[in-house]
N, C-alpha and C. Protein backbone atom coordinates (compact mmCIF):
# COMPACT_ATOMS: atom_id res chain seq x y z
N MET A 1 108.65 116.87 105.76
CA MET A 1 108.65 115.48 105.36
C MET A 1 107.92 115.36 104.03
N ILE A 2 108.40 114.48 103.19
CA ILE A 2 107.79 114.23 101.89
C ILE A 2 106.88 113.02 102.01
N LYS A 3 105.67 113.14 101.47
CA LYS A 3 104.70 112.05 101.49
C LYS A 3 104.36 111.65 100.05
N LEU A 4 104.15 110.36 99.85
CA LEU A 4 103.57 109.88 98.59
C LEU A 4 102.08 109.73 98.88
N ARG A 5 101.27 110.52 98.20
CA ARG A 5 99.84 110.53 98.49
C ARG A 5 99.02 110.72 97.24
N LEU A 6 97.69 110.66 97.40
CA LEU A 6 96.78 110.79 96.28
C LEU A 6 96.37 112.24 96.09
N LYS A 7 96.29 112.65 94.83
CA LYS A 7 95.80 113.98 94.48
C LYS A 7 94.54 113.77 93.65
N ARG A 8 93.44 114.30 94.11
CA ARG A 8 92.15 114.06 93.48
C ARG A 8 91.97 114.96 92.27
N PHE A 9 91.39 114.41 91.19
CA PHE A 9 91.00 115.22 90.04
C PHE A 9 89.85 114.53 89.33
N GLY A 10 89.19 115.23 88.45
CA GLY A 10 88.04 114.71 87.73
C GLY A 10 86.75 115.38 88.17
N LYS A 11 85.65 115.00 87.53
CA LYS A 11 84.35 115.58 87.85
C LYS A 11 83.78 114.98 89.13
N LYS A 12 82.69 115.58 89.58
CA LYS A 12 81.96 115.02 90.71
C LYS A 12 81.48 113.62 90.36
N ARG A 13 81.62 112.72 91.27
CA ARG A 13 81.21 111.32 91.12
C ARG A 13 81.93 110.59 89.98
N GLU A 14 82.93 111.19 89.40
CA GLU A 14 83.78 110.54 88.40
C GLU A 14 85.24 110.80 88.76
N VAL A 15 85.55 110.55 90.00
CA VAL A 15 86.85 110.91 90.54
C VAL A 15 87.94 109.95 90.08
N SER A 16 89.13 110.49 89.91
CA SER A 16 90.35 109.72 89.68
C SER A 16 91.42 110.36 90.54
N TYR A 17 92.52 109.66 90.69
CA TYR A 17 93.59 110.17 91.54
C TYR A 17 94.92 110.06 90.83
N ARG A 18 95.80 110.99 91.13
CA ARG A 18 97.20 110.90 90.72
C ARG A 18 98.00 110.60 91.98
N ILE A 19 98.97 109.73 91.85
CA ILE A 19 99.88 109.46 92.96
C ILE A 19 101.04 110.43 92.81
N VAL A 20 101.25 111.24 93.85
CA VAL A 20 102.23 112.32 93.77
C VAL A 20 103.14 112.31 94.99
N ALA A 21 104.29 112.93 94.85
CA ALA A 21 105.18 113.22 95.97
C ALA A 21 104.96 114.68 96.32
N ALA A 22 104.60 114.94 97.58
CA ALA A 22 104.32 116.31 98.01
C ALA A 22 104.78 116.49 99.44
N LYS A 23 105.01 117.74 99.82
CA LYS A 23 105.34 118.03 101.21
C LYS A 23 104.12 117.73 102.06
N SER A 24 104.34 117.24 103.27
CA SER A 24 103.23 116.84 104.12
C SER A 24 102.39 118.03 104.56
N THR A 25 102.94 119.24 104.51
CA THR A 25 102.20 120.42 104.94
C THR A 25 101.44 121.10 103.80
N SER A 26 101.62 120.63 102.56
CA SER A 26 100.95 121.27 101.43
C SER A 26 99.52 120.76 101.29
N ARG A 27 98.71 121.50 100.54
CA ARG A 27 97.31 121.13 100.34
C ARG A 27 97.20 119.85 99.52
N ARG A 28 96.06 119.16 99.66
CA ARG A 28 95.87 117.89 98.95
C ARG A 28 95.98 118.08 97.45
N ASP A 29 95.36 119.13 96.91
CA ASP A 29 95.37 119.36 95.47
C ASP A 29 96.35 120.45 95.07
N GLY A 30 97.31 120.75 95.94
CA GLY A 30 98.31 121.76 95.62
C GLY A 30 99.34 121.23 94.63
N ARG A 31 100.32 122.05 94.34
CA ARG A 31 101.35 121.66 93.38
C ARG A 31 102.26 120.60 94.00
N PRO A 32 102.37 119.44 93.34
CA PRO A 32 103.24 118.39 93.88
C PRO A 32 104.69 118.58 93.46
N LEU A 33 105.58 117.88 94.14
CA LEU A 33 106.99 117.88 93.75
C LEU A 33 107.19 117.03 92.49
N ALA A 34 106.42 115.92 92.40
CA ALA A 34 106.51 115.02 91.24
C ALA A 34 105.24 114.20 91.14
N GLU A 35 104.82 113.91 89.91
CA GLU A 35 103.69 113.00 89.67
C GLU A 35 104.26 111.63 89.34
N LEU A 36 103.79 110.62 90.08
CA LEU A 36 104.41 109.30 90.00
C LEU A 36 103.50 108.21 89.47
N GLY A 37 102.22 108.51 89.30
CA GLY A 37 101.33 107.47 88.82
C GLY A 37 99.89 107.94 88.77
N PHE A 38 99.01 107.00 88.49
CA PHE A 38 97.60 107.27 88.29
C PHE A 38 96.80 106.12 88.88
N TYR A 39 95.65 106.42 89.52
CA TYR A 39 94.78 105.39 90.07
C TYR A 39 93.33 105.79 89.83
N ASN A 40 92.57 104.89 89.20
CA ASN A 40 91.14 105.11 88.96
C ASN A 40 90.37 104.04 89.74
N PRO A 41 89.71 104.40 90.84
CA PRO A 41 89.02 103.39 91.64
C PRO A 41 87.76 102.84 90.96
N ARG A 42 87.20 103.56 90.00
CA ARG A 42 85.99 103.09 89.33
C ARG A 42 86.28 101.90 88.42
N THR A 43 87.41 101.93 87.71
CA THR A 43 87.77 100.83 86.81
C THR A 43 88.92 100.00 87.38
N ASP A 44 89.45 100.40 88.54
CA ASP A 44 90.58 99.76 89.19
C ASP A 44 91.82 99.76 88.29
N GLU A 45 91.96 100.80 87.49
CA GLU A 45 93.13 100.97 86.62
C GLU A 45 94.24 101.66 87.41
N THR A 46 95.44 101.14 87.29
CA THR A 46 96.59 101.72 87.97
C THR A 46 97.77 101.77 87.02
N ARG A 47 98.39 102.94 86.92
CA ARG A 47 99.62 103.10 86.16
C ARG A 47 100.65 103.73 87.09
N LEU A 48 101.82 103.10 87.20
CA LEU A 48 102.83 103.57 88.14
C LEU A 48 104.17 103.74 87.44
N ASN A 49 104.90 104.75 87.87
CA ASN A 49 106.29 104.95 87.46
C ASN A 49 107.15 104.35 88.58
N VAL A 50 107.35 103.05 88.53
CA VAL A 50 107.98 102.31 89.64
C VAL A 50 109.39 102.80 89.95
N PRO A 51 110.27 103.03 88.96
CA PRO A 51 111.62 103.51 89.31
C PRO A 51 111.58 104.85 90.05
N ALA A 52 110.70 105.75 89.65
CA ALA A 52 110.60 107.04 90.33
C ALA A 52 110.05 106.88 91.75
N ILE A 53 109.09 105.98 91.92
CA ILE A 53 108.52 105.74 93.26
C ILE A 53 109.59 105.18 94.18
N LEU A 54 110.35 104.20 93.71
CA LEU A 54 111.40 103.62 94.53
C LEU A 54 112.50 104.63 94.84
N ASP A 55 112.77 105.53 93.89
CA ASP A 55 113.75 106.58 94.12
C ASP A 55 113.29 107.52 95.24
N TRP A 56 112.02 107.93 95.21
CA TRP A 56 111.50 108.81 96.26
C TRP A 56 111.49 108.11 97.62
N ILE A 57 111.16 106.82 97.64
CA ILE A 57 111.15 106.09 98.91
C ILE A 57 112.58 105.96 99.44
N SER A 58 113.55 105.75 98.56
CA SER A 58 114.95 105.66 99.00
C SER A 58 115.45 107.00 99.55
N LYS A 59 114.85 108.10 99.10
CA LYS A 59 115.22 109.42 99.60
C LYS A 59 114.52 109.76 100.91
N GLY A 60 113.61 108.87 101.37
CA GLY A 60 112.98 109.09 102.66
C GLY A 60 111.50 109.45 102.60
N ALA A 61 110.90 109.44 101.43
CA ALA A 61 109.47 109.76 101.33
C ALA A 61 108.64 108.64 101.95
N GLN A 62 107.58 109.01 102.65
CA GLN A 62 106.71 108.04 103.33
C GLN A 62 105.38 107.95 102.59
N PRO A 63 104.98 106.75 102.11
CA PRO A 63 103.66 106.63 101.47
C PRO A 63 102.55 106.62 102.52
N THR A 64 101.40 107.18 102.17
CA THR A 64 100.24 107.10 103.05
C THR A 64 99.72 105.68 103.03
N GLU A 65 98.80 105.36 103.94
CA GLU A 65 98.27 103.99 104.01
C GLU A 65 97.61 103.57 102.70
N THR A 66 96.84 104.48 102.08
CA THR A 66 96.16 104.16 100.83
C THR A 66 97.16 103.91 99.71
N VAL A 67 98.15 104.77 99.59
CA VAL A 67 99.16 104.59 98.55
C VAL A 67 99.97 103.33 98.82
N ARG A 68 100.28 103.06 100.09
CA ARG A 68 101.02 101.85 100.43
C ARG A 68 100.25 100.60 100.01
N SER A 69 98.92 100.59 100.21
CA SER A 69 98.13 99.43 99.81
C SER A 69 98.09 99.28 98.29
N ILE A 70 98.05 100.39 97.56
CA ILE A 70 98.08 100.33 96.09
C ILE A 70 99.43 99.79 95.62
N LEU A 71 100.52 100.26 96.21
CA LEU A 71 101.85 99.81 95.83
C LEU A 71 102.04 98.34 96.18
N ARG A 72 101.51 97.91 97.32
CA ARG A 72 101.62 96.50 97.72
C ARG A 72 100.84 95.62 96.74
N ARG A 73 99.64 96.08 96.34
CA ARG A 73 98.82 95.31 95.40
C ARG A 73 99.51 95.17 94.05
N GLU A 74 100.27 96.18 93.65
CA GLU A 74 100.98 96.16 92.37
C GLU A 74 102.38 95.55 92.48
N ASN A 75 102.72 95.00 93.63
CA ASN A 75 104.01 94.32 93.88
C ASN A 75 105.22 95.23 93.68
N VAL A 76 105.11 96.47 94.09
CA VAL A 76 106.24 97.38 94.01
C VAL A 76 107.26 97.03 95.08
N PHE A 77 106.81 96.53 96.22
CA PHE A 77 107.70 96.20 97.33
C PHE A 77 108.18 94.76 97.27
N ALA A 78 108.09 94.10 96.12
CA ALA A 78 108.53 92.71 96.00
C ALA A 78 110.02 92.63 96.30
N PRO A 79 110.43 91.64 97.09
CA PRO A 79 111.86 91.54 97.42
C PRO A 79 112.69 91.20 96.19
N ALA A 80 113.84 91.79 96.11
CA ALA A 80 114.75 91.53 95.00
C ALA A 80 115.36 90.15 95.18
N THR A 81 115.51 89.44 94.09
CA THR A 81 116.12 88.12 94.18
C THR A 81 117.63 88.30 94.27
N SER A 82 118.22 87.67 95.27
CA SER A 82 119.66 87.77 95.45
C SER A 82 120.19 86.42 95.90
N GLU A 83 121.47 86.27 95.81
CA GLU A 83 122.12 85.03 96.21
C GLU A 83 122.15 84.95 97.73
N PRO A 84 121.85 83.78 98.30
CA PRO A 84 121.95 83.64 99.75
C PRO A 84 123.40 83.66 100.19
N THR A 85 123.63 84.19 101.37
CA THR A 85 124.99 84.24 101.89
C THR A 85 125.39 82.86 102.38
N SER A 86 126.65 82.56 102.31
CA SER A 86 127.14 81.25 102.71
C SER A 86 127.85 81.33 104.06
N GLU A 87 127.25 81.98 105.03
CA GLU A 87 127.81 82.07 106.36
C GLU A 87 127.28 80.92 107.21
N PRO A 88 128.04 80.48 108.20
CA PRO A 88 127.54 79.41 109.05
C PRO A 88 126.30 79.86 109.82
N VAL A 89 125.37 78.93 109.95
CA VAL A 89 124.10 79.26 110.58
C VAL A 89 124.23 79.26 112.10
N SER A 90 124.89 78.27 112.66
CA SER A 90 125.01 78.20 114.12
C SER A 90 126.46 77.95 114.51
N GLU A 91 126.79 78.39 115.69
CA GLU A 91 128.12 78.18 116.22
C GLU A 91 128.00 77.40 117.53
N GLN A 92 128.97 76.52 117.79
CA GLN A 92 128.95 75.76 119.04
C GLN A 92 129.65 76.58 120.12
N VAL A 93 129.01 76.66 121.26
CA VAL A 93 129.59 77.39 122.39
C VAL A 93 129.80 76.40 123.52
N SER A 94 131.01 76.32 124.05
CA SER A 94 131.27 75.41 125.16
C SER A 94 131.17 76.19 126.47
N VAL A 95 130.56 75.56 127.42
CA VAL A 95 130.37 76.22 128.72
C VAL A 95 131.24 75.61 129.75
């Protein structure tokens, strides 16, 4: 299974994270399949490659809880605006 998760890098007490797509059995700091973004919790800076993230999710990748909360905060999962369907809402049934 492919996971979207955080990969830690930086010095001690000056940590930053990369958001990556990796196999769920690989090490946290191992080689990822793709790097999809950046998150710095000290400055709350976030940079995301949204088309690539949505592509990985459409292929079946599962984000971890932390990555899901970052993506939700950045409105990656915002619903697409579309035209409402013009189907009848209710039907009458005679008994």
